Amino acid sequence: MRNALKLGMEWYGGDPDGDDFTANRDRYYQARKKCTEAEVDYVEAALKRHGYPP
């Protein structure tokens, strides 16, 4: 779950035109697949609380 949160911040905080944007998005969704539904909800809420996506 922490990995998904970290990857979500990297993805949302990255440059949309950057080379890593798609790779970060894919890594985020791969990490999300390993989480339970409640963990995914927590990660999404935490990202929103911290202002992601911009």
PDB file of N, CA and C in Angstrom:
ATOM      1  N   MET A   1       0.831  -1.192   0.000  1.00  0.00           N
ATOM      2  CA  MET A   1       0.000   0.000   0.000  1.00  0.00           C
ATOM      3  C   MET A   1       0.875   1.255   0.000  1.00  0.00           C
ATOM      4  N   ARG A   2       1.914   1.275   0.823  1.00  0.00           N
ATOM      5  CA  ARG A   2       2.799   2.447   0.852  1.00  0.00           C
ATOM      6  C   ARG A   2       3.462   2.660  -0.502  1.00  0.00           C
ATOM      7  N   ASN A   3       3.805   1.544  -1.150  1.00  0.00           N
ATOM      8  CA  ASN A   3       4.422   1.640  -2.468  1.00  0.00           C
ATOM      9  C   ASN A   3       3.450   2.277  -3.465  1.00  0.00           C
ATOM     10  N   ALA A   4       2.182   1.888  -3.401  1.00  0.00           N
ATOM     11  CA  ALA A   4       1.178   2.462  -4.300  1.00  0.00           C
ATOM     12  C   ALA A   4       1.039   3.961  -4.046  1.00  0.00           C
ATOM     13  N   LEU A   5       1.052   4.353  -2.771  1.00  0.00           N
ATOM     14  CA  LEU A   5       0.931   5.769  -2.430  1.00  0.00           C
ATOM     15  C   LEU A   5       2.129   6.551  -2.970  1.00  0.00           C
ATOM     16  N   LYS A   6       3.323   6.014  -2.772  1.00  0.00           N
ATOM     17  CA  LYS A   6       4.538   6.670  -3.254  1.00  0.00           C
ATOM     18  C   LYS A   6       4.530   6.773  -4.784  1.00  0.00           C
ATOM     19  N   LEU A   7       4.163   5.683  -5.439  1.00  0.00           N
ATOM     20  CA  LEU A   7       4.125   5.692  -6.906  1.00  0.00           C
ATOM     21  C   LEU A   7       3.059   6.635  -7.435  1.00  0.00           C
ATOM     22  N   GLY A   8       1.924   6.717  -6.718  1.00  0.00           N
ATOM     23  CA  GLY A   8       0.879   7.654  -7.127  1.00  0.00           C
ATOM     24  C   GLY A   8       1.367   9.091  -7.064  1.00  0.00           C
ATOM     25  N   MET A   9       2.108   9.425  -6.017  1.00  0.00           N
ATOM     26  CA  MET A   9       2.641  10.789  -5.897  1.00  0.00           C
ATOM     27  C   MET A   9       3.681  11.060  -6.983  1.00  0.00           C
ATOM     28  N   GLU A  10       4.489  10.044  -7.297  1.00  0.00           N
ATOM     29  CA  GLU A  10       5.476  10.212  -8.380  1.00  0.00           C
ATOM     30  C   GLU A  10       4.775  10.424  -9.707  1.00  0.00           C
ATOM     31  N   TRP A  11       3.722   9.638  -9.954  1.00  0.00           N
ATOM     32  CA  TRP A  11       3.023   9.748 -11.232  1.00  0.00           C
ATOM     33  C   TRP A  11       2.327  11.089 -11.344  1.00  0.00           C
ATOM     34  N   TYR A  12       1.498  11.439 -10.356  1.00  0.00           N
ATOM     35  CA  TYR A  12       0.749  12.693 -10.420  1.00  0.00           C
ATOM     36  C   TYR A  12       1.655  13.911 -10.360  1.00  0.00           C
ATOM     37  N   GLY A  13       2.789  13.784  -9.683  1.00  0.00           N
ATOM     38  CA  GLY A  13       3.689  14.915  -9.539  1.00  0.00           C
ATOM     39  C   GLY A  13       4.631  15.081 -10.712  1.00  0.00           C
ATOM     40  N   GLY A  14       4.626  14.111 -11.615  1.00  0.00           N
ATOM     41  CA  GLY A  14       5.548  14.143 -12.745  1.00  0.00           C
ATOM     42  C   GLY A  14       5.079  15.039 -13.871  1.00  0.00           C
ATOM     43  N   ASP A  15       5.963  15.245 -14.792  1.00  0.00           N
ATOM     44  CA  ASP A  15       5.682  16.059 -15.971  1.00  0.00           C
ATOM     45  C   ASP A  15       4.846  15.232 -16.955  1.00  0.00           C
ATOM     46  N   PRO A  16       3.638  15.692 -17.295  1.00  0.00           N
ATOM     47  CA  PRO A  16       2.793  14.918 -18.222  1.00  0.00           C
ATOM     48  C   PRO A  16       3.448  14.659 -19.572  1.00  0.00           C
ATOM     49  N   ASP A  17       4.389  15.509 -19.955  1.00  0.00           N
ATOM     50  CA  ASP A  17       5.064  15.320 -21.242  1.00  0.00           C
ATOM     51  C   ASP A  17       6.374  14.559 -21.082  1.00  0.00           C
ATOM     52  N   GLY A  18       6.715  14.204 -19.845  1.00  0.00           N
ATOM     53  CA  GLY A  18       7.987  13.524 -19.593  1.00  0.00           C
ATOM     54  C   GLY A  18       7.951  12.057 -19.985  1.00  0.00           C
ATOM     55  N   ASP A  19       9.127  11.508 -20.183  1.00  0.00           N
ATOM     56  CA  ASP A  19       9.250  10.111 -20.586  1.00  0.00           C
ATOM     57  C   ASP A  19       8.759   9.157 -19.502  1.00  0.00           C
ATOM     58  N   ASP A  20       8.895   9.558 -18.240  1.00  0.00           N
ATOM     59  CA  ASP A  20       8.559   8.660 -17.140  1.00  0.00           C
ATOM     60  C   ASP A  20       7.075   8.667 -16.804  1.00  0.00           C
ATOM     61  N   PHE A  21       6.305   9.576 -17.393  1.00  0.00           N
ATOM     62  CA  PHE A  21       4.897   9.717 -17.011  1.00  0.00           C
ATOM     63  C   PHE A  21       4.121   8.415 -17.216  1.00  0.00           C
ATOM     64  N   THR A  22       4.237   7.834 -18.386  1.00  0.00           N
ATOM     65  CA  THR A  22       3.518   6.593 -18.687  1.00  0.00           C
ATOM     66  C   THR A  22       4.052   5.440 -17.852  1.00  0.00           C
ATOM     67  N   ALA A  23       5.361   5.362 -17.701  1.00  0.00           N
ATOM     68  CA  ALA A  23       5.965   4.292 -16.901  1.00  0.00           C
ATOM     69  C   ALA A  23       5.525   4.403 -15.444  1.00  0.00           C
ATOM     70  N   ASN A  24       5.500   5.627 -14.909  1.00  0.00           N
ATOM     71  CA  ASN A  24       5.064   5.825 -13.524  1.00  0.00           C
ATOM     72  C   ASN A  24       3.597   5.450 -13.354  1.00  0.00           C
ATOM     73  N   ARG A  25       2.766   5.813 -14.349  1.00  0.00           N
ATOM     74  CA  ARG A  25       1.350   5.459 -14.296  1.00  0.00           C
ATOM     75  C   ARG A  25       1.194   3.938 -14.277  1.00  0.00           C
ATOM     76  N   ASP A  26       1.919   3.256 -15.127  1.00  0.00           N
ATOM     77  CA  ASP A  26       1.824   1.801 -15.194  1.00  0.00           C
ATOM     78  C   ASP A  26       2.293   1.154 -13.899  1.00  0.00           C
ATOM     79  N   ARG A  27       3.383   1.673 -13.320  1.00  0.00           N
ATOM     80  CA  ARG A  27       3.880   1.131 -12.047  1.00  0.00           C
ATOM     81  C   ARG A  27       2.856   1.359 -10.934  1.00  0.00           C
ATOM     82  N   TYR A  28       2.210   2.524 -10.949  1.00  0.00           N
ATOM     83  CA  TYR A  28       1.188   2.828  -9.942  1.00  0.00           C
ATOM     84  C   TYR A  28       0.033   1.825 -10.026  1.00  0.00           C
ATOM     85  N   TYR A  29      -0.459   1.577 -11.234  1.00  0.00           N
ATOM     86  CA  TYR A  29      -1.580   0.651 -11.382  1.00  0.00           C
ATOM     87  C   TYR A  29      -1.170  -0.796 -11.079  1.00  0.00           C
ATOM     88  N   GLN A  30       0.082  -1.152 -11.352  1.00  0.00           N
ATOM     89  CA  GLN A  30       0.562  -2.493 -10.974  1.00  0.00           C
ATOM     90  C   GLN A  30       0.575  -2.635  -9.460  1.00  0.00           C
ATOM     91  N   ALA A  31       1.016  -1.594  -8.754  1.00  0.00           N
ATOM     92  CA  ALA A  31       1.054  -1.631  -7.291  1.00  0.00           C
ATOM     93  C   ALA A  31      -0.363  -1.679  -6.726  1.00  0.00           C
ATOM     94  N   ARG A  32      -1.286  -0.972  -7.383  1.00  0.00           N
ATOM     95  CA  ARG A  32      -2.682  -0.964  -6.918  1.00  0.00           C
ATOM     96  C   ARG A  32      -3.310  -2.347  -7.002  1.00  0.00           C
ATOM     97  N   LYS A  33      -2.912  -3.134  -7.993  1.00  0.00           N
ATOM     98  CA  LYS A  33      -3.485  -4.472  -8.169  1.00  0.00           C
ATOM     99  C   LYS A  33      -3.171  -5.376  -6.977  1.00  0.00           C
ATOM    100  N   LYS A  34      -2.082  -5.075  -6.269  1.00  0.00           N
ATOM    101  CA  LYS A  34      -1.679  -5.889  -5.127  1.00  0.00           C
ATOM    102  C   LYS A  34      -2.378  -5.462  -3.840  1.00  0.00           C
ATOM    103  N   CYS A  35      -3.145  -4.378  -3.897  1.00  0.00           N
ATOM    104  CA  CYS A  35      -3.821  -3.849  -2.718  1.00  0.00           C
ATOM    105  C   CYS A  35      -5.265  -4.344  -2.652  1.00  0.00           C
ATOM    106  N   THR A  36      -5.797  -4.355  -1.445  1.00  0.00           N
ATOM    107  CA  THR A  36      -7.217  -4.659  -1.293  1.00  0.00           C
ATOM    108  C   THR A  36      -8.013  -3.431  -1.718  1.00  0.00           C
ATOM    109  N   GLU A  37      -9.320  -3.610  -1.854  1.00  0.00           N
ATOM    110  CA  GLU A  37     -10.170  -2.484  -2.262  1.00  0.00           C
ATOM    111  C   GLU A  37     -10.116  -1.351  -1.236  1.00  0.00           C
ATOM    112  N   ALA A  38     -10.092  -1.714   0.048  1.00  0.00           N
ATOM    113  CA  ALA A  38     -10.026  -0.697   1.106  1.00  0.00           C
ATOM    114  C   ALA A  38      -8.710   0.070   1.039  1.00  0.00           C
ATOM    115  N   GLU A  39      -7.622  -0.628   0.737  1.00  0.00           N
ATOM    116  CA  GLU A  39      -6.317   0.038   0.618  1.00  0.00           C
ATOM    117  C   GLU A  39      -6.299   0.986  -0.570  1.00  0.00           C
ATOM    118  N   VAL A  40      -6.912   0.577  -1.677  1.00  0.00           N
ATOM    119  CA  VAL A  40      -6.986   1.449  -2.852  1.00  0.00           C
ATOM    120  C   VAL A  40      -7.776   2.710  -2.519  1.00  0.00           C
ATOM    121  N   ASP A  41      -8.892   2.549  -1.812  1.00  0.00           N
ATOM    122  CA  ASP A  41      -9.688   3.710  -1.395  1.00  0.00           C
ATOM    123  C   ASP A  41      -8.864   4.643  -0.522  1.00  0.00           C
ATOM    124  N   TYR A  42      -8.092   4.064   0.403  1.00  0.00           N
ATOM    125  CA  TYR A  42      -7.242   4.859   1.289  1.00  0.00           C
ATOM    126  C   TYR A  42      -6.192   5.633   0.488  1.00  0.00           C
ATOM    127  N   VAL A  43      -5.550   4.952  -0.445  1.00  0.00           N
ATOM    128  CA  VAL A  43      -4.512   5.589  -1.264  1.00  0.00           C
ATOM    129  C   VAL A  43      -5.110   6.729  -2.082  1.00  0.00           C
ATOM    130  N   GLU A  44      -6.266   6.488  -2.712  1.00  0.00           N
ATOM    131  CA  GLU A  44      -6.906   7.532  -3.516  1.00  0.00           C
ATOM    132  C   GLU A  44      -7.283   8.731  -2.649  1.00  0.00           C
ATOM    133  N   ALA A  45      -7.824   8.471  -1.455  1.00  0.00           N
ATOM    134  CA  ALA A  45      -8.203   9.563  -0.552  1.00  0.00           C
ATOM    135  C   ALA A  45      -6.967  10.330  -0.085  1.00  0.00           C
ATOM    136  N   ALA A  46      -5.899   9.615   0.207  1.00  0.00           N
ATOM    137  CA  ALA A  46      -4.668  10.266   0.665  1.00  0.00           C
ATOM    138  C   ALA A  46      -4.081  11.139  -0.442  1.00  0.00           C
ATOM    139  N   LEU A  47      -4.097  10.651  -1.668  1.00  0.00           N
ATOM    140  CA  LEU A  47      -3.582  11.445  -2.789  1.00  0.00           C
ATOM    141  C   LEU A  47      -4.400  12.721  -2.951  1.00  0.00           C
ATOM    142  N   LYS A  48      -5.722  12.617  -2.846  1.00  0.00           N
ATOM    143  CA  LYS A  48      -6.583  13.798  -2.969  1.00  0.00           C
ATOM    144  C   LYS A  48      -6.324  14.792  -1.843  1.00  0.00           C
ATOM    145  N   ARG A  49      -6.132  14.261  -0.627  1.00  0.00           N
ATOM    146  CA  ARG A  49      -5.855  15.131   0.533  1.00  0.00           C
ATOM    147  C   ARG A  49      -4.577  15.944   0.335  1.00  0.00           C
ATOM    148  N   HIS A  50      -3.616  15.326  -0.343  1.00  0.00           N
ATOM    149  CA  HIS A  50      -2.338  16.006  -0.560  1.00  0.00           C
ATOM    150  C   HIS A  50      -2.295  16.802  -1.859  1.00  0.00           C
ATOM    151  N   GLY A  51      -3.443  16.963  -2.500  1.00  0.00           N
ATOM    152  CA  GLY A  51      -3.517  17.828  -3.681  1.00  0.00           C
ATOM    153  C   GLY A  51      -3.205  17.154  -4.994  1.00  0.00           C
ATOM    154  N   TYR A  52      -3.236  15.821  -5.033  1.00  0.00           N
ATOM    155  CA  TYR A  52      -3.041  15.104  -6.281  1.00  0.00           C
ATOM    156  C   TYR A  52      -4.388  14.609  -6.766  1.00  0.00           C
ATOM    157  N   PRO A  53      -4.686  14.544  -8.017  1.00  0.00           N
ATOM    158  CA  PRO A  53      -3.911  15.174  -9.095  1.00  0.00           C
ATOM    159  C   PRO A  53      -4.064  16.684  -9.071  1.00  0.00           C
ATOM    160  N   PRO A  54      -3.059  17.351  -9.619  1.00  0.00           N
ATOM    161  CA  PRO A  54      -3.073  18.830  -9.574  1.00  0.00           C
ATOM    162  C   PRO A  54      -4.214  19.432 -10.365  1.00  0.00           C
TER     163      PRO A  54
END
